[in-house]
Amino acid sequence: MLVLGIIFSFVGLGALLCLLFTLAVYALPFFVAVTAGMAAFHSGAGVIGAILVAAFAGGATLAIGQIVFATVRSPIIRATVALLYAVPATIAGYSAAHGLAELNMPSATWQMIFAVIGAICVGCTAFARLAMLAPPVIGQGFSVASDTLRLSHGDRGR
C-alpha cells in the first residue's frame, strides 16, 4: 500500500509540473487580469464588471504580446517582450518550486537550490514557448537546394 502512495505522489507531482510548464506563458496576462479586476472592483464596478474587466485585460495582454512578438522584426523589441513574459513566469516558477521543495526537504539550502533551478526551468520554458510564435526569417539559414541552384546556374562562364 505504501508503494501505491509513492507512485500516486510522483504522478501528482508530474501533473503539477506539467501544468506549471504549460501555464508559464500566462503568468503576465494573469497578473494583469487580477490587477485590473481588483482595481475595477474597488472602483465600484461590482463582481460582474470586475470579472469582465479582468477577462478583457488578461486577453488583451496575451493577444497584444503575441502579436507584437510575431510581427516585429527587431530583435531588441522581441527580447523585451519575451522578458516581459518570462520574468513573471520565472517568479511564479520559483514560488511553485519552493513550495514543492518545502514539502519534501528539511534543509533550507536545498529548498533554495531547487527553487532556483525550478525558476530557471520555468522561465526558459516560457521564453521558448513565446519564441515559437515568431515566424521564420526568410533568407537566413543554410539551404542545400538554394546553394546548389545558385552554383549550377549563377556563375557560368566567368
N, C-alpha and C. Protein backbone atom coordinates (compact mmCIF):
# COMPACT_ATOMS: atom_id res chain seq x y z
N MET A 1 0.81 -1.19 0.00
CA MET A 1 0.00 0.00 0.00
C MET A 1 0.86 1.26 0.00
N LEU A 2 2.01 1.19 0.66
CA LEU A 2 2.93 2.32 0.71
C LEU A 2 3.48 2.64 -0.68
N VAL A 3 3.76 1.60 -1.47
CA VAL A 3 4.29 1.79 -2.82
C VAL A 3 3.26 2.50 -3.69
N LEU A 4 2.00 2.17 -3.52
CA LEU A 4 0.94 2.82 -4.29
C LEU A 4 0.86 4.31 -3.96
N GLY A 5 1.04 4.66 -2.70
CA GLY A 5 1.05 6.06 -2.30
C GLY A 5 2.21 6.82 -2.89
N ILE A 6 3.37 6.18 -2.94
CA ILE A 6 4.54 6.81 -3.53
C ILE A 6 4.33 7.02 -5.03
N ILE A 7 3.77 6.03 -5.69
CA ILE A 7 3.50 6.15 -7.13
C ILE A 7 2.51 7.28 -7.40
N PHE A 8 1.45 7.36 -6.62
CA PHE A 8 0.47 8.44 -6.79
C PHE A 8 1.08 9.81 -6.49
N SER A 9 2.01 9.87 -5.55
CA SER A 9 2.70 11.12 -5.24
C SER A 9 3.51 11.59 -6.44
N PHE A 10 4.23 10.67 -7.07
CA PHE A 10 5.01 11.03 -8.25
C PHE A 10 4.12 11.42 -9.43
N VAL A 11 3.02 10.73 -9.60
CA VAL A 11 2.08 11.07 -10.68
C VAL A 11 1.49 12.46 -10.44
N GLY A 12 1.11 12.72 -9.20
CA GLY A 12 0.56 14.04 -8.86
C GLY A 12 1.58 15.15 -9.04
N LEU A 13 2.83 14.91 -8.62
CA LEU A 13 3.89 15.88 -8.80
C LEU A 13 4.16 16.12 -10.28
N GLY A 14 4.16 15.07 -11.07
CA GLY A 14 4.35 15.21 -12.51
C GLY A 14 3.23 16.01 -13.16
N ALA A 15 2.00 15.77 -12.71
CA ALA A 15 0.86 16.54 -13.25
C ALA A 15 0.97 18.01 -12.88
N LEU A 16 1.38 18.30 -11.65
CA LEU A 16 1.56 19.69 -11.24
C LEU A 16 2.66 20.38 -12.03
N LEU A 17 3.77 19.69 -12.25
CA LEU A 17 4.86 20.27 -13.03
C LEU A 17 4.46 20.48 -14.49
N CYS A 18 3.72 19.53 -15.04
CA CYS A 18 3.24 19.69 -16.42
C CYS A 18 2.32 20.90 -16.54
N LEU A 19 1.45 21.06 -15.56
CA LEU A 19 0.55 22.21 -15.54
C LEU A 19 1.33 23.51 -15.38
N LEU A 20 2.33 23.49 -14.52
CA LEU A 20 3.15 24.68 -14.30
C LEU A 20 3.87 25.10 -15.57
N PHE A 21 4.49 24.14 -16.27
CA PHE A 21 5.20 24.48 -17.51
C PHE A 21 4.25 24.91 -18.62
N THR A 22 3.06 24.32 -18.66
CA THR A 22 2.09 24.69 -19.68
C THR A 22 1.56 26.10 -19.47
N LEU A 23 1.33 26.46 -18.23
CA LEU A 23 0.73 27.76 -17.93
C LEU A 23 1.75 28.86 -17.66
N ALA A 24 3.03 28.59 -17.85
CA ALA A 24 4.06 29.57 -17.53
C ALA A 24 3.94 30.84 -18.37
N VAL A 25 3.57 30.72 -19.62
CA VAL A 25 3.47 31.89 -20.50
C VAL A 25 2.35 32.82 -20.05
N TYR A 26 1.37 32.28 -19.36
CA TYR A 26 0.21 33.07 -19.00
C TYR A 26 0.35 33.78 -17.64
N ALA A 27 1.54 33.83 -17.06
CA ALA A 27 1.72 34.48 -15.77
C ALA A 27 1.50 35.99 -15.88
N LEU A 28 2.05 36.63 -16.89
CA LEU A 28 1.86 38.08 -17.05
C LEU A 28 0.41 38.44 -17.35
N PRO A 29 -0.26 37.79 -18.31
CA PRO A 29 -1.67 38.12 -18.52
C PRO A 29 -2.54 37.85 -17.29
N PHE A 30 -2.24 36.81 -16.53
CA PHE A 30 -2.99 36.54 -15.31
C PHE A 30 -2.77 37.64 -14.28
N PHE A 31 -1.54 38.09 -14.12
CA PHE A 31 -1.25 39.17 -13.20
C PHE A 31 -1.97 40.46 -13.61
N VAL A 32 -1.94 40.77 -14.89
CA VAL A 32 -2.63 41.97 -15.39
C VAL A 32 -4.14 41.84 -15.17
N ALA A 33 -4.68 40.65 -15.42
CA ALA A 33 -6.12 40.43 -15.25
C ALA A 33 -6.53 40.59 -13.80
N VAL A 34 -5.77 40.02 -12.89
CA VAL A 34 -6.11 40.14 -11.46
C VAL A 34 -6.00 41.58 -11.01
N THR A 35 -4.96 42.27 -11.43
CA THR A 35 -4.78 43.67 -11.04
C THR A 35 -5.90 44.54 -11.58
N ALA A 36 -6.24 44.38 -12.85
CA ALA A 36 -7.31 45.17 -13.45
C ALA A 36 -8.66 44.83 -12.83
N GLY A 37 -8.91 43.56 -12.57
CA GLY A 37 -10.16 43.15 -11.94
C GLY A 37 -10.31 43.71 -10.54
N MET A 38 -9.23 43.67 -9.75
CA MET A 38 -9.29 44.23 -8.40
C MET A 38 -9.48 45.75 -8.44
N ALA A 39 -8.81 46.41 -9.37
CA ALA A 39 -8.97 47.86 -9.49
C ALA A 39 -10.41 48.20 -9.89
N ALA A 40 -10.98 47.44 -10.80
CA ALA A 40 -12.36 47.68 -11.21
C ALA A 40 -13.33 47.41 -10.06
N PHE A 41 -13.07 46.36 -9.30
CA PHE A 41 -13.95 46.03 -8.17
C PHE A 41 -13.90 47.12 -7.10
N HIS A 42 -12.71 47.60 -6.80
CA HIS A 42 -12.56 48.62 -5.77
C HIS A 42 -13.04 49.99 -6.22
N SER A 43 -13.19 50.18 -7.53
CA SER A 43 -13.73 51.46 -8.01
C SER A 43 -15.24 51.42 -8.14
N GLY A 44 -15.87 50.30 -7.78
CA GLY A 44 -17.32 50.22 -7.74
C GLY A 44 -17.97 49.53 -8.92
N ALA A 45 -17.22 48.75 -9.68
CA ALA A 45 -17.79 48.09 -10.86
C ALA A 45 -18.62 46.87 -10.49
N GLY A 46 -18.49 46.35 -9.29
CA GLY A 46 -19.21 45.15 -8.89
C GLY A 46 -18.47 43.90 -9.33
N VAL A 47 -19.02 42.76 -8.94
CA VAL A 47 -18.35 41.49 -9.23
C VAL A 47 -18.37 41.18 -10.72
N ILE A 48 -19.52 41.32 -11.36
CA ILE A 48 -19.64 41.01 -12.80
C ILE A 48 -18.75 41.94 -13.62
N GLY A 49 -18.78 43.23 -13.30
CA GLY A 49 -17.95 44.19 -14.02
C GLY A 49 -16.47 43.92 -13.83
N ALA A 50 -16.07 43.54 -12.62
CA ALA A 50 -14.67 43.24 -12.36
C ALA A 50 -14.22 42.01 -13.13
N ILE A 51 -15.07 41.00 -13.21
CA ILE A 51 -14.73 39.79 -13.97
C ILE A 51 -14.59 40.12 -15.45
N LEU A 52 -15.50 40.94 -15.98
CA LEU A 52 -15.42 41.31 -17.39
C LEU A 52 -14.17 42.13 -17.68
N VAL A 53 -13.85 43.08 -16.80
CA VAL A 53 -12.64 43.89 -16.99
C VAL A 53 -11.40 43.00 -16.90
N ALA A 54 -11.38 42.09 -15.95
CA ALA A 54 -10.23 41.19 -15.80
C ALA A 54 -10.06 40.31 -17.03
N ALA A 55 -11.14 39.76 -17.53
CA ALA A 55 -11.06 38.90 -18.71
C ALA A 55 -10.57 39.67 -19.93
N PHE A 56 -11.07 40.88 -20.11
CA PHE A 56 -10.64 41.70 -21.24
C PHE A 56 -9.17 42.09 -21.10
N ALA A 57 -8.76 42.52 -19.91
CA ALA A 57 -7.37 42.96 -19.71
C ALA A 57 -6.40 41.81 -19.89
N GLY A 58 -6.72 40.64 -19.34
CA GLY A 58 -5.83 39.48 -19.50
C GLY A 58 -5.76 39.02 -20.93
N GLY A 59 -6.90 38.93 -21.60
CA GLY A 59 -6.92 38.51 -23.00
C GLY A 59 -6.19 39.50 -23.90
N ALA A 60 -6.39 40.79 -23.64
CA ALA A 60 -5.71 41.80 -24.45
C ALA A 60 -4.21 41.76 -24.25
N THR A 61 -3.77 41.55 -23.01
CA THR A 61 -2.34 41.46 -22.73
C THR A 61 -1.71 40.28 -23.46
N LEU A 62 -2.38 39.14 -23.42
CA LEU A 62 -1.86 37.96 -24.10
C LEU A 62 -1.84 38.17 -25.61
N ALA A 63 -2.92 38.68 -26.16
CA ALA A 63 -3.01 38.86 -27.61
C ALA A 63 -2.02 39.90 -28.12
N ILE A 64 -1.92 41.03 -27.43
CA ILE A 64 -1.00 42.08 -27.86
C ILE A 64 0.44 41.59 -27.79
N GLY A 65 0.80 40.92 -26.71
CA GLY A 65 2.16 40.41 -26.60
C GLY A 65 2.50 39.41 -27.69
N GLN A 66 1.59 38.51 -27.98
CA GLN A 66 1.86 37.51 -29.02
C GLN A 66 1.90 38.14 -30.40
N ILE A 67 1.02 39.10 -30.66
CA ILE A 67 1.02 39.76 -31.97
C ILE A 67 2.29 40.57 -32.17
N VAL A 68 2.69 41.33 -31.14
CA VAL A 68 3.92 42.12 -31.24
C VAL A 68 5.13 41.20 -31.45
N PHE A 69 5.19 40.13 -30.69
CA PHE A 69 6.34 39.23 -30.81
C PHE A 69 6.37 38.56 -32.19
N ALA A 70 5.22 38.23 -32.73
CA ALA A 70 5.18 37.52 -34.01
C ALA A 70 5.37 38.44 -35.21
N THR A 71 5.06 39.72 -35.09
CA THR A 71 5.11 40.60 -36.26
C THR A 71 6.32 41.51 -36.31
N VAL A 72 6.87 41.88 -35.18
CA VAL A 72 8.00 42.81 -35.15
C VAL A 72 9.28 42.06 -35.49
N ARG A 73 10.11 42.66 -36.33
CA ARG A 73 11.35 42.01 -36.75
C ARG A 73 12.55 42.39 -35.87
N SER A 74 12.45 43.46 -35.11
CA SER A 74 13.57 43.94 -34.31
C SER A 74 13.86 42.97 -33.17
N PRO A 75 15.10 42.49 -33.08
CA PRO A 75 15.43 41.56 -32.01
C PRO A 75 15.37 42.20 -30.62
N ILE A 76 15.61 43.49 -30.53
CA ILE A 76 15.56 44.17 -29.23
C ILE A 76 14.13 44.21 -28.71
N ILE A 77 13.19 44.53 -29.57
CA ILE A 77 11.78 44.57 -29.15
C ILE A 77 11.28 43.17 -28.83
N ARG A 78 11.68 42.19 -29.63
CA ARG A 78 11.28 40.80 -29.34
C ARG A 78 11.84 40.33 -28.00
N ALA A 79 13.10 40.67 -27.74
CA ALA A 79 13.70 40.27 -26.47
C ALA A 79 13.00 40.96 -25.30
N THR A 80 12.62 42.22 -25.48
CA THR A 80 11.92 42.94 -24.42
C THR A 80 10.56 42.30 -24.14
N VAL A 81 9.82 41.98 -25.18
CA VAL A 81 8.52 41.35 -25.00
C VAL A 81 8.68 39.97 -24.36
N ALA A 82 9.68 39.22 -24.81
CA ALA A 82 9.91 37.89 -24.24
C ALA A 82 10.28 37.99 -22.77
N LEU A 83 11.08 38.97 -22.40
CA LEU A 83 11.43 39.15 -21.00
C LEU A 83 10.23 39.59 -20.16
N LEU A 84 9.35 40.40 -20.76
CA LEU A 84 8.13 40.80 -20.04
C LEU A 84 7.27 39.60 -19.70
N TYR A 85 7.29 38.60 -20.53
CA TYR A 85 6.53 37.38 -20.27
C TYR A 85 7.31 36.37 -19.43
N ALA A 86 8.64 36.32 -19.60
CA ALA A 86 9.43 35.31 -18.91
C ALA A 86 9.71 35.65 -17.45
N VAL A 87 9.84 36.93 -17.12
CA VAL A 87 10.16 37.31 -15.74
C VAL A 87 9.03 36.94 -14.77
N PRO A 88 7.75 37.28 -15.04
CA PRO A 88 6.71 36.82 -14.12
C PRO A 88 6.59 35.30 -14.07
N ALA A 89 6.85 34.63 -15.19
CA ALA A 89 6.83 33.16 -15.18
C ALA A 89 7.96 32.61 -14.32
N THR A 90 9.11 33.27 -14.35
CA THR A 90 10.23 32.84 -13.52
C THR A 90 9.90 33.01 -12.04
N ILE A 91 9.27 34.11 -11.69
CA ILE A 91 8.88 34.34 -10.29
C ILE A 91 7.84 33.30 -9.85
N ALA A 92 6.88 33.03 -10.72
CA ALA A 92 5.88 32.01 -10.40
C ALA A 92 6.53 30.63 -10.29
N GLY A 93 7.49 30.33 -11.15
CA GLY A 93 8.19 29.05 -11.09
C GLY A 93 9.01 28.92 -9.82
N TYR A 94 9.61 30.02 -9.38
CA TYR A 94 10.36 30.00 -8.12
C TYR A 94 9.43 29.70 -6.95
N SER A 95 8.29 30.39 -6.92
CA SER A 95 7.35 30.18 -5.82
C SER A 95 6.81 28.76 -5.80
N ALA A 96 6.47 28.24 -6.97
CA ALA A 96 5.93 26.87 -7.04
C ALA A 96 6.99 25.84 -6.65
N ALA A 97 8.20 26.00 -7.16
CA ALA A 97 9.26 25.05 -6.85
C ALA A 97 9.65 25.13 -5.37
N HIS A 98 9.65 26.32 -4.81
CA HIS A 98 9.98 26.47 -3.39
C HIS A 98 8.89 25.83 -2.53
N GLY A 99 7.65 26.00 -2.92
CA GLY A 99 6.56 25.37 -2.18
C GLY A 99 6.63 23.85 -2.23
N LEU A 100 6.95 23.31 -3.39
CA LEU A 100 7.09 21.85 -3.51
C LEU A 100 8.32 21.34 -2.76
N ALA A 101 9.39 22.14 -2.76
CA ALA A 101 10.60 21.72 -2.04
C ALA A 101 10.39 21.75 -0.53
N GLU A 102 9.58 22.70 -0.05
CA GLU A 102 9.30 22.76 1.38
C GLU A 102 8.55 21.52 1.87
N LEU A 103 7.77 20.92 1.00
CA LEU A 103 7.03 19.72 1.39
C LEU A 103 7.93 18.52 1.60
N ASN A 104 9.05 18.48 0.89
CA ASN A 104 9.86 17.27 0.86
C ASN A 104 11.23 17.38 1.49
N MET A 105 11.73 18.59 1.74
CA MET A 105 13.10 18.74 2.21
C MET A 105 13.15 19.57 3.50
N PRO A 106 13.88 19.10 4.48
CA PRO A 106 14.01 19.89 5.70
C PRO A 106 15.08 20.97 5.60
N SER A 107 16.04 20.83 4.70
CA SER A 107 17.16 21.76 4.60
C SER A 107 16.75 23.00 3.80
N ALA A 108 16.93 24.17 4.38
CA ALA A 108 16.59 25.42 3.70
C ALA A 108 17.51 25.67 2.50
N THR A 109 18.75 25.21 2.60
CA THR A 109 19.69 25.40 1.50
C THR A 109 19.24 24.62 0.27
N TRP A 110 18.85 23.36 0.46
CA TRP A 110 18.39 22.56 -0.67
C TRP A 110 17.05 23.07 -1.21
N GLN A 111 16.21 23.59 -0.35
CA GLN A 111 14.95 24.18 -0.81
C GLN A 111 15.24 25.35 -1.75
N MET A 112 16.20 26.19 -1.37
CA MET A 112 16.56 27.34 -2.20
C MET A 112 17.18 26.90 -3.52
N ILE A 113 18.03 25.88 -3.46
CA ILE A 113 18.68 25.39 -4.68
C ILE A 113 17.63 24.86 -5.66
N PHE A 114 16.71 24.04 -5.17
CA PHE A 114 15.68 23.50 -6.06
C PHE A 114 14.72 24.60 -6.53
N ALA A 115 14.47 25.60 -5.70
CA ALA A 115 13.59 26.70 -6.12
C ALA A 115 14.24 27.50 -7.24
N VAL A 116 15.52 27.75 -7.15
CA VAL A 116 16.23 28.50 -8.20
C VAL A 116 16.28 27.68 -9.49
N ILE A 117 16.55 26.39 -9.38
CA ILE A 117 16.56 25.53 -10.57
C ILE A 117 15.18 25.50 -11.21
N GLY A 118 14.13 25.39 -10.40
CA GLY A 118 12.77 25.42 -10.92
C GLY A 118 12.44 26.73 -11.59
N ALA A 119 12.89 27.84 -11.00
CA ALA A 119 12.63 29.16 -11.59
C ALA A 119 13.30 29.30 -12.94
N ILE A 120 14.53 28.83 -13.04
CA ILE A 120 15.25 28.91 -14.31
C ILE A 120 14.56 28.05 -15.37
N CYS A 121 14.16 26.86 -15.01
CA CYS A 121 13.48 25.97 -15.96
C CYS A 121 12.16 26.55 -16.45
N VAL A 122 11.36 27.08 -15.53
CA VAL A 122 10.06 27.64 -15.91
C VAL A 122 10.24 28.91 -16.74
N GLY A 123 11.20 29.75 -16.38
CA GLY A 123 11.45 30.97 -17.16
C GLY A 123 11.92 30.65 -18.57
N CYS A 124 12.82 29.68 -18.70
CA CYS A 124 13.29 29.28 -20.03
C CYS A 124 12.17 28.66 -20.85
N THR A 125 11.30 27.90 -20.19
CA THR A 125 10.16 27.31 -20.90
C THR A 125 9.21 28.39 -21.41
N ALA A 126 8.93 29.38 -20.59
CA ALA A 126 8.06 30.48 -21.02
C ALA A 126 8.68 31.23 -22.19
N PHE A 127 9.99 31.48 -22.11
CA PHE A 127 10.69 32.17 -23.19
C PHE A 127 10.63 31.35 -24.47
N ALA A 128 10.85 30.04 -24.37
CA ALA A 128 10.83 29.18 -25.55
C ALA A 128 9.44 29.07 -26.15
N ARG A 129 8.42 28.99 -25.30
CA ARG A 129 7.05 28.90 -25.84
C ARG A 129 6.65 30.18 -26.55
N LEU A 130 7.10 31.32 -26.05
CA LEU A 130 6.81 32.57 -26.73
C LEU A 130 7.63 32.69 -28.01
N ALA A 131 8.85 32.19 -28.00
CA ALA A 131 9.70 32.25 -29.19
C ALA A 131 9.16 31.39 -30.33
N MET A 132 8.36 30.37 -30.00
CA MET A 132 7.77 29.53 -31.05
C MET A 132 6.75 30.30 -31.87
N LEU A 133 6.27 31.43 -31.38
CA LEU A 133 5.29 32.22 -32.12
C LEU A 133 5.92 33.02 -33.24
N ALA A 134 7.23 33.22 -33.20
CA ALA A 134 7.91 34.04 -34.19
C ALA A 134 7.95 33.33 -35.53
N PRO A 135 7.63 34.05 -36.62
CA PRO A 135 7.73 33.43 -37.94
C PRO A 135 9.19 33.27 -38.33
N PRO A 136 9.50 32.31 -39.18
CA PRO A 136 10.89 32.14 -39.60
C PRO A 136 11.34 33.33 -40.44
N VAL A 137 12.59 33.69 -40.29
CA VAL A 137 13.16 34.80 -41.05
C VAL A 137 13.59 34.27 -42.40
N ILE A 138 13.05 34.85 -43.46
CA ILE A 138 13.34 34.39 -44.82
C ILE A 138 14.70 34.92 -45.25
N GLY A 139 15.50 34.06 -45.85
CA GLY A 139 16.79 34.48 -46.36
C GLY A 139 17.94 34.16 -45.43
N GLN A 140 17.68 33.65 -44.25
CA GLN A 140 18.75 33.28 -43.35
C GLN A 140 18.77 31.77 -43.19
N GLY A 141 19.89 31.28 -42.83
CA GLY A 141 20.00 29.84 -42.65
C GLY A 141 20.68 29.21 -43.85
N PHE A 142 20.88 27.92 -43.79
CA PHE A 142 21.58 27.18 -44.83
C PHE A 142 20.59 26.28 -45.54
N SER A 143 20.54 26.39 -46.83
CA SER A 143 19.67 25.54 -47.62
C SER A 143 20.49 24.90 -48.73
N VAL A 144 20.51 23.60 -48.74
CA VAL A 144 21.30 22.87 -49.74
C VAL A 144 20.74 23.10 -51.13
N ALA A 145 19.43 23.10 -51.27
CA ALA A 145 18.82 23.24 -52.60
C ALA A 145 19.10 24.61 -53.20
N SER A 146 19.00 25.68 -52.42
CA SER A 146 19.23 27.01 -52.98
C SER A 146 20.70 27.22 -53.29
N ASP A 147 21.63 26.70 -52.47
CA ASP A 147 23.05 26.83 -52.76
C ASP A 147 23.44 26.02 -54.00
N THR A 148 22.87 24.86 -54.18
CA THR A 148 23.15 24.05 -55.36
C THR A 148 22.62 24.73 -56.60
N LEU A 149 21.43 25.32 -56.52
CA LEU A 149 20.85 26.01 -57.65
C LEU A 149 21.68 27.22 -58.02
N ARG A 150 22.15 27.97 -57.05
CA ARG A 150 22.96 29.15 -57.31
C ARG A 150 24.29 28.74 -57.95
N LEU A 151 24.88 27.66 -57.48
CA LEU A 151 26.16 27.22 -58.06
C LEU A 151 25.99 26.69 -59.47
N SER A 152 24.89 26.04 -59.77
CA SER A 152 24.73 25.45 -61.09
C SER A 152 24.28 26.45 -62.13
N HIS A 153 23.60 27.54 -61.74
CA HIS A 153 23.08 28.48 -62.73
C HIS A 153 23.70 29.87 -62.61
N GLY A 154 24.39 30.16 -61.56
CA GLY A 154 24.80 31.53 -61.30
C GLY A 154 26.08 31.99 -61.98
N ASP A 155 27.16 31.27 -61.90
CA ASP A 155 28.46 31.78 -62.34
C ASP A 155 28.98 31.01 -63.53
N ARG A 156 28.20 30.89 -64.59
CA ARG A 156 28.66 30.17 -65.79
C ARG A 156 29.51 31.09 -66.65
N GLY A 157 30.64 30.60 -67.01
CA GLY A 157 31.49 31.29 -67.96
C GLY A 157 32.20 32.50 -67.39
N ARG A 158 32.30 32.67 -66.15
CA ARG A 158 33.00 33.82 -65.60
C ARG A 158 34.34 33.44 -65.11
